[in-house]
Amino acid sequence: MPANLPPQYFEAEEEFRQAKTPQEKIEAIKKMIAIMPKHKGTEKLHAYLRRKLAQLSKEAQRKPKVSRSSPIDRIKKEGAGQAALAGPPNTGKSRLLSALTRARPFVAPYPFSTFLPTPGMMPYEDIQVQLIDLPPLHPDTTEPWVYHLIRSSDLVLVVVSLSEDPEGQALEALGLLEDAKVRLTGEGAKPGILVANMADLDGAEERARPLGALGMPVVLVSAETGYGLEELKEEIFRRLGVVRVYTKEPGHKPDMDKPYVLPKGSTVLDLAAAIHKDLAKNFRYARIWRKGQYEGMRAPRDLEVQDGDILEVHGG
């Protein structure tokens, strides 16, 4: 039976030939395996590539090089919070990142096209949230640094495709995350959102119904048409668990362009510390403006701030 390999396979094969380090060769072989059709005609080639992958993996571990340093080291948290996009192959994570941010990740019609984390900044009202597109979750190919980055993020977006069996995709992804000590359901779970992509397909809404029983908030979106993206942005902000607090100087209008972003539960004194540590140390009093409640009243240092508060902080 002929192998009938697609053009993308030969492109990946050329990348392998041009690769200079073991890690580059490993990434190229992973791509070849992911692209290759699975049937009797490719069994021997598939077995050969798996052996070659194992051999290169041992070589890479035996002779570590700077080029193999974890990509995590190159990602710094920015904005109001960091959300990791995780999920099975071919769910449209990269296209979703592109639709929500100005990032332009490589988007391909075949699975496993993302090999390194791709960050992008998502605007939401007057703040920005950092989104990171990650390689797909797979029991055989996902590297430990991917799970490490998911664990260190503030929020996890589990992206599934509504093209076929989204419930099965979600269960597999949640299982892999659970094995990696990332629990997104139940008491004490890490904040997460189940993002059901490709909602523009026929029958998508019906296929999405079982997702509601998995114990996570579900948002239906289409990265292709833009459907549901604004709702997703709002849910991301809610799940990050932060509040925006605005400041003003005495006798001046408040600065409504650049709020301080604090964790929910923060106090007036926490805001003072965020402005400057000496202001918190020498805190005297603060005045607060809160819609429908306070109009310049004095606020105690332990008052919990809410989203949209305006504060005038006075130091000694």
Protein backbone atom coordinates (compact mmCIF):
# COMPACT_ATOMS: atom_id res chain seq x y z
CA MET A 1 0.00 0.00 0.00
CA PRO A 2 1.55 3.37 -1.00
CA ALA A 3 2.35 5.87 1.75
CA ASN A 4 0.68 8.83 -0.04
CA LEU A 5 2.53 11.40 2.06
CA PRO A 6 1.21 15.00 1.90
CA PRO A 7 3.42 17.93 0.80
CA GLN A 8 3.68 19.18 4.39
CA TYR A 9 5.48 15.95 5.32
CA PHE A 10 8.26 16.60 2.81
CA GLU A 11 8.58 20.17 4.09
CA ALA A 12 9.09 18.80 7.60
CA GLU A 13 11.56 16.25 6.21
CA GLU A 14 13.56 19.09 4.66
CA GLU A 15 13.55 20.86 8.03
CA PHE A 16 15.02 17.69 9.52
CA ARG A 17 17.79 17.62 6.92
CA GLN A 18 18.63 21.27 7.59
CA ALA A 19 18.52 20.88 11.40
CA LYS A 20 21.86 21.36 13.15
CA THR A 21 21.09 20.45 16.77
CA PRO A 22 19.45 17.33 18.27
CA GLN A 23 16.56 19.45 19.58
CA GLU A 24 15.87 20.92 16.13
CA LYS A 25 15.89 17.40 14.66
CA ILE A 26 13.52 16.20 17.40
CA GLU A 27 11.03 18.97 16.61
CA ALA A 28 11.20 18.17 12.88
CA ILE A 29 10.59 14.45 13.46
CA LYS A 30 7.66 15.20 15.77
CA LYS A 31 6.14 17.27 12.99
CA MET A 32 6.71 14.47 10.45
CA ILE A 33 5.01 11.93 12.74
CA ALA A 34 2.06 14.28 13.37
CA ILE A 35 1.52 15.00 9.67
CA MET A 36 1.98 11.44 8.41
CA PRO A 37 -1.28 9.59 7.60
CA LYS A 38 -1.72 6.46 9.71
CA HIS A 39 -2.33 3.33 7.60
CA LYS A 40 -0.62 0.08 6.60
CA GLY A 41 1.53 1.79 3.97
CA THR A 42 3.21 4.03 6.57
CA GLU A 43 3.69 1.48 9.38
CA LYS A 44 7.40 0.86 8.71
CA LEU A 45 8.16 4.55 8.20
CA HIS A 46 6.29 5.41 11.39
CA ALA A 47 8.25 2.78 13.35
CA TYR A 48 11.54 4.08 11.94
CA LEU A 49 10.72 7.67 12.90
CA ARG A 50 9.74 6.62 16.42
CA ARG A 51 13.08 4.81 16.83
CA LYS A 52 14.93 7.83 15.47
CA LEU A 53 13.03 10.11 17.84
CA ALA A 54 13.96 7.94 20.83
CA GLN A 55 17.59 7.90 19.74
CA LEU A 56 17.75 11.68 19.35
CA SER A 57 16.00 12.21 22.69
CA LYS A 58 18.70 10.15 24.43
CA GLU A 59 21.40 12.08 22.60
CA ALA A 60 19.86 15.42 23.57
CA GLN A 61 19.74 14.37 27.24
CA ARG A 62 23.31 13.10 27.11
CA LYS A 63 24.69 16.32 25.58
CA PRO A 64 22.57 19.24 26.77
CA LYS A 65 23.17 22.51 24.97
CA VAL A 66 22.11 26.08 25.55
CA SER A 67 19.68 25.79 22.64
CA ARG A 68 17.70 23.23 24.66
CA SER A 69 16.98 25.61 27.53
CA SER A 70 13.33 25.71 28.44
CA PRO A 71 11.26 28.26 26.49
CA ILE A 72 9.66 29.14 29.84
CA ASP A 73 12.77 31.14 30.69
CA ARG A 74 11.95 33.53 27.89
CA ILE A 75 8.36 34.30 28.97
CA LYS A 76 7.74 37.09 31.44
CA LYS A 77 4.29 37.78 32.84
CA GLU A 78 2.81 41.03 31.57
CA GLY A 79 -0.48 42.87 31.88
CA ALA A 80 -3.32 42.14 34.28
CA GLY A 81 -2.71 38.40 34.27
CA GLN A 82 -1.46 35.45 32.25
CA ALA A 83 -3.76 32.88 30.64
CA ALA A 84 -2.41 29.69 29.03
CA LEU A 85 -4.17 28.21 25.98
CA ALA A 86 -4.07 24.42 26.34
CA GLY A 87 -5.89 21.63 24.56
CA PRO A 88 -5.73 18.69 22.16
CA PRO A 89 -4.25 18.99 18.66
CA ASN A 90 -6.15 20.76 15.88
CA THR A 91 -8.60 22.73 18.03
CA GLY A 92 -7.67 26.15 16.62
CA LYS A 93 -5.71 27.52 19.57
CA SER A 94 -3.30 29.47 17.38
CA ARG A 95 -6.11 31.00 15.33
CA LEU A 96 -7.90 31.91 18.56
CA LEU A 97 -4.77 33.65 19.86
CA SER A 98 -4.56 35.59 16.61
CA ALA A 99 -8.25 36.59 16.84
CA LEU A 100 -7.91 37.82 20.44
CA THR A 101 -4.53 39.54 20.18
CA ARG A 102 -2.21 41.09 17.63
CA ALA A 103 0.06 38.06 17.77
CA ARG A 104 0.52 36.20 14.50
CA PRO A 105 1.36 32.60 15.36
CA PHE A 106 1.99 30.04 12.63
CA VAL A 107 -1.40 28.53 11.71
CA ALA A 108 -1.52 25.28 9.74
CA PRO A 109 -4.32 22.94 8.60
CA TYR A 110 -2.61 19.99 10.29
CA PRO A 111 -2.10 19.19 14.00
CA PHE A 112 1.03 19.82 16.10
CA SER A 113 2.01 22.97 14.17
CA THR A 114 2.80 24.81 17.44
CA PHE A 115 6.17 23.83 18.95
CA LEU A 116 7.08 26.82 21.11
CA PRO A 117 4.98 29.11 23.34
CA THR A 118 3.62 32.17 21.54
CA PRO A 119 2.56 35.12 23.74
CA GLY A 120 0.14 37.88 22.77
CA MET A 121 -1.60 40.73 24.60
CA MET A 122 -5.40 40.72 24.63
CA PRO A 123 -7.01 44.16 25.11
CA TYR A 124 -9.98 44.29 27.47
CA GLU A 125 -11.48 47.72 28.13
CA ASP A 126 -8.61 49.68 29.74
CA ILE A 127 -6.25 46.78 30.53
CA GLN A 128 -4.45 43.98 28.72
CA VAL A 129 -4.18 40.29 29.51
CA GLN A 130 -1.30 38.11 28.36
CA LEU A 131 -2.35 34.98 26.46
CA ILE A 132 0.12 32.20 25.65
CA ASP A 133 -0.50 29.65 22.91
CA LEU A 134 1.15 26.33 23.82
CA PRO A 135 1.95 23.11 21.96
CA PRO A 136 -1.01 20.69 22.06
CA LEU A 137 -1.55 18.27 24.92
CA HIS A 138 -0.71 14.71 23.92
CA PRO A 139 0.33 11.73 26.08
CA ASP A 140 3.34 10.96 23.87
CA THR A 141 4.72 14.30 22.74
CA THR A 142 3.97 17.02 25.32
CA GLU A 143 7.17 18.09 27.06
CA PRO A 144 7.34 18.83 30.83
CA TRP A 145 7.93 22.57 30.34
CA VAL A 146 4.46 22.90 28.78
CA TYR A 147 2.81 21.66 31.98
CA HIS A 148 5.17 23.79 34.07
CA LEU A 149 4.06 26.89 32.17
CA ILE A 150 0.40 25.93 32.61
CA ARG A 151 0.93 25.50 36.35
CA SER A 152 2.58 28.91 36.64
CA SER A 153 -0.15 30.74 34.70
CA ASP A 154 -3.00 32.58 36.41
CA LEU A 155 -5.73 31.01 34.28
CA VAL A 156 -6.04 28.03 31.92
CA LEU A 157 -8.14 28.14 28.75
CA VAL A 158 -8.84 24.56 27.68
CA VAL A 159 -9.63 24.85 23.97
CA VAL A 160 -11.62 22.10 22.24
CA SER A 161 -13.07 21.84 18.75
CA LEU A 162 -16.80 21.57 18.15
CA SER A 163 -16.14 19.73 14.89
CA GLU A 164 -16.23 16.29 16.51
CA ASP A 165 -16.64 14.87 20.05
CA PRO A 166 -15.72 17.97 22.09
CA GLU A 167 -16.61 16.14 25.31
CA GLY A 168 -14.03 13.44 24.56
CA GLN A 169 -11.43 16.08 23.75
CA ALA A 170 -12.12 17.92 26.99
CA LEU A 171 -11.99 14.76 29.11
CA GLU A 172 -8.67 13.73 27.58
CA ALA A 173 -7.17 17.20 28.11
CA LEU A 174 -8.42 17.41 31.69
CA GLY A 175 -7.04 13.93 32.37
CA LEU A 176 -3.58 14.86 31.08
CA LEU A 177 -3.63 18.06 33.12
CA GLU A 178 -4.72 16.15 36.22
CA ASP A 179 -1.80 13.75 35.75
CA ALA A 180 0.48 16.81 35.58
CA LYS A 181 -0.92 18.14 38.89
CA VAL A 182 -3.13 20.76 37.25
CA ARG A 183 -6.68 20.35 38.55
CA LEU A 184 -9.33 22.55 36.93
CA THR A 185 -12.47 21.09 38.51
CA GLY A 186 -13.61 20.58 42.08
CA GLU A 187 -12.74 22.33 45.33
CA GLY A 188 -9.48 24.27 45.29
CA ALA A 189 -9.16 23.98 41.51
CA LYS A 190 -7.04 26.35 39.45
CA PRO A 191 -9.17 28.90 37.56
CA GLY A 192 -10.06 27.64 34.11
CA ILE A 193 -12.44 28.14 31.20
CA LEU A 194 -13.55 25.52 28.68
CA VAL A 195 -13.42 27.29 25.31
CA ALA A 196 -15.45 25.49 22.64
CA ASN A 197 -14.08 26.72 19.32
CA MET A 198 -15.59 26.45 15.82
CA ALA A 199 -19.10 27.35 17.01
CA ASP A 200 -19.91 28.43 13.44
CA LEU A 201 -20.07 24.80 12.26
CA ASP A 202 -23.42 23.09 11.67
CA GLY A 203 -24.56 21.18 14.76
CA ALA A 204 -21.93 22.81 16.98
CA GLU A 205 -24.38 23.94 19.66
CA GLU A 206 -25.82 20.44 20.05
CA ARG A 207 -22.35 18.88 20.29
CA ALA A 208 -21.43 21.45 22.95
CA ARG A 209 -24.27 20.53 25.34
CA PRO A 210 -22.43 17.75 27.22
CA LEU A 211 -19.61 20.17 28.08
CA GLY A 212 -21.80 21.89 30.66
CA ALA A 213 -21.60 18.82 32.92
CA LEU A 214 -17.80 18.87 33.24
CA GLY A 215 -17.67 21.37 36.11
CA MET A 216 -16.09 24.31 34.27
CA PRO A 217 -17.50 27.51 32.77
CA VAL A 218 -18.03 27.00 29.03
CA VAL A 219 -17.84 29.69 26.35
CA LEU A 220 -18.69 28.95 22.71
CA VAL A 221 -16.61 30.90 20.22
CA SER A 222 -15.56 30.98 16.60
CA ALA A 223 -12.05 32.27 15.95
CA GLU A 224 -13.00 32.33 12.27
CA THR A 225 -16.07 34.61 12.51
CA GLY A 226 -15.46 36.35 15.84
CA TYR A 227 -18.58 34.87 17.45
CA GLY A 228 -18.39 34.81 21.26
CA LEU A 229 -15.00 36.51 21.54
CA GLU A 230 -16.29 39.48 23.57
CA GLU A 231 -18.05 37.11 25.97
CA LEU A 232 -14.80 35.16 26.29
CA LYS A 233 -12.85 38.33 27.11
CA GLU A 234 -15.33 39.17 29.88
CA GLU A 235 -15.10 35.64 31.30
CA ILE A 236 -11.29 35.76 31.22
CA PHE A 237 -11.34 39.00 33.23
CA ARG A 238 -13.80 37.53 35.76
CA ARG A 239 -11.81 34.33 36.21
CA LEU A 240 -8.51 36.14 36.71
CA GLY A 241 -9.88 37.37 40.03
CA VAL A 242 -8.55 40.91 39.82
CA VAL A 243 -9.95 44.41 40.31
CA ARG A 244 -9.07 47.73 38.68
CA VAL A 245 -8.51 50.66 41.01
CA TYR A 246 -8.02 54.23 39.77
CA THR A 247 -6.15 56.97 41.58
CA LYS A 248 -6.36 60.75 41.81
CA GLU A 249 -4.27 63.52 43.29
CA PRO A 250 -5.88 66.17 45.53
CA GLY A 251 -7.54 68.87 43.45
CA HIS A 252 -7.16 66.92 40.20
CA LYS A 253 -9.37 64.65 38.13
CA PRO A 254 -8.80 60.92 38.52
CA ASP A 255 -6.51 59.10 36.10
CA MET A 256 -8.98 56.79 34.34
CA ASP A 257 -6.53 55.57 31.69
CA LYS A 258 -4.12 53.44 33.71
CA PRO A 259 -5.71 51.59 36.62
CA TYR A 260 -3.79 49.63 39.21
CA VAL A 261 -4.68 45.94 38.89
CA LEU A 262 -4.87 44.14 42.23
CA PRO A 263 -6.04 40.69 43.35
CA LYS A 264 -9.60 40.52 44.64
CA GLY A 265 -9.57 40.99 48.40
CA SER A 266 -6.89 43.69 48.30
CA THR A 267 -7.22 46.64 50.67
CA VAL A 268 -6.62 50.37 50.56
CA LEU A 269 -3.21 49.76 52.13
CA ASP A 270 -2.38 47.22 49.40
CA LEU A 271 -3.11 49.92 46.83
CA ALA A 272 -0.80 52.32 48.65
CA ALA A 273 1.96 49.70 48.54
CA ALA A 274 1.37 49.17 44.82
CA ILE A 275 1.79 52.91 44.23
CA HIS A 276 4.99 53.05 46.31
CA LYS A 277 6.26 51.12 49.31
CA ASP A 278 7.01 54.37 51.18
CA LEU A 279 3.41 55.51 50.70
CA ALA A 280 2.20 52.38 52.46
CA LYS A 281 4.78 52.84 55.21
CA ASN A 282 3.75 56.46 55.79
CA PHE A 283 0.03 55.99 55.09
CA ARG A 284 -2.19 58.58 56.79
CA TYR A 285 -5.60 58.25 55.19
CA ALA A 286 -7.40 57.83 51.87
CA ARG A 287 -10.57 59.13 50.26
CA ILE A 288 -12.70 56.84 48.15
CA TRP A 289 -15.20 57.29 45.34
CA ARG A 290 -17.36 54.24 44.65
CA LYS A 291 -20.35 54.39 42.34
CA GLY A 292 -23.62 54.52 44.28
CA GLN A 293 -21.88 54.23 47.66
CA TYR A 294 -19.02 56.61 48.46
CA GLU A 295 -18.31 60.16 47.29
CA GLY A 296 -14.94 61.18 48.66
CA MET A 297 -15.43 59.68 52.11
CA ARG A 298 -12.46 58.72 54.25
CA ALA A 299 -11.56 55.08 53.83
CA PRO A 300 -9.87 52.93 56.49
CA ARG A 301 -6.65 51.21 55.47
CA ASP A 302 -8.25 47.77 55.73
CA LEU A 303 -11.23 48.57 53.47
CA GLU A 304 -11.44 46.04 50.64
CA VAL A 305 -11.26 47.74 47.25
CA GLN A 306 -13.64 46.87 44.43
CA ASP A 307 -13.40 47.02 40.64
CA GLY A 308 -13.87 50.62 39.50
CA ASP A 309 -13.00 52.31 42.82
CA ILE A 310 -11.25 55.68 42.73
CA LEU A 311 -8.88 56.47 45.61
CA GLU A 312 -6.94 59.49 46.75
CA VAL A 313 -4.16 58.24 49.04
CA HIS A 314 -2.40 60.55 51.50
CA GLY A 315 0.96 59.81 53.09
CA GLY A 316 2.78 61.44 55.99
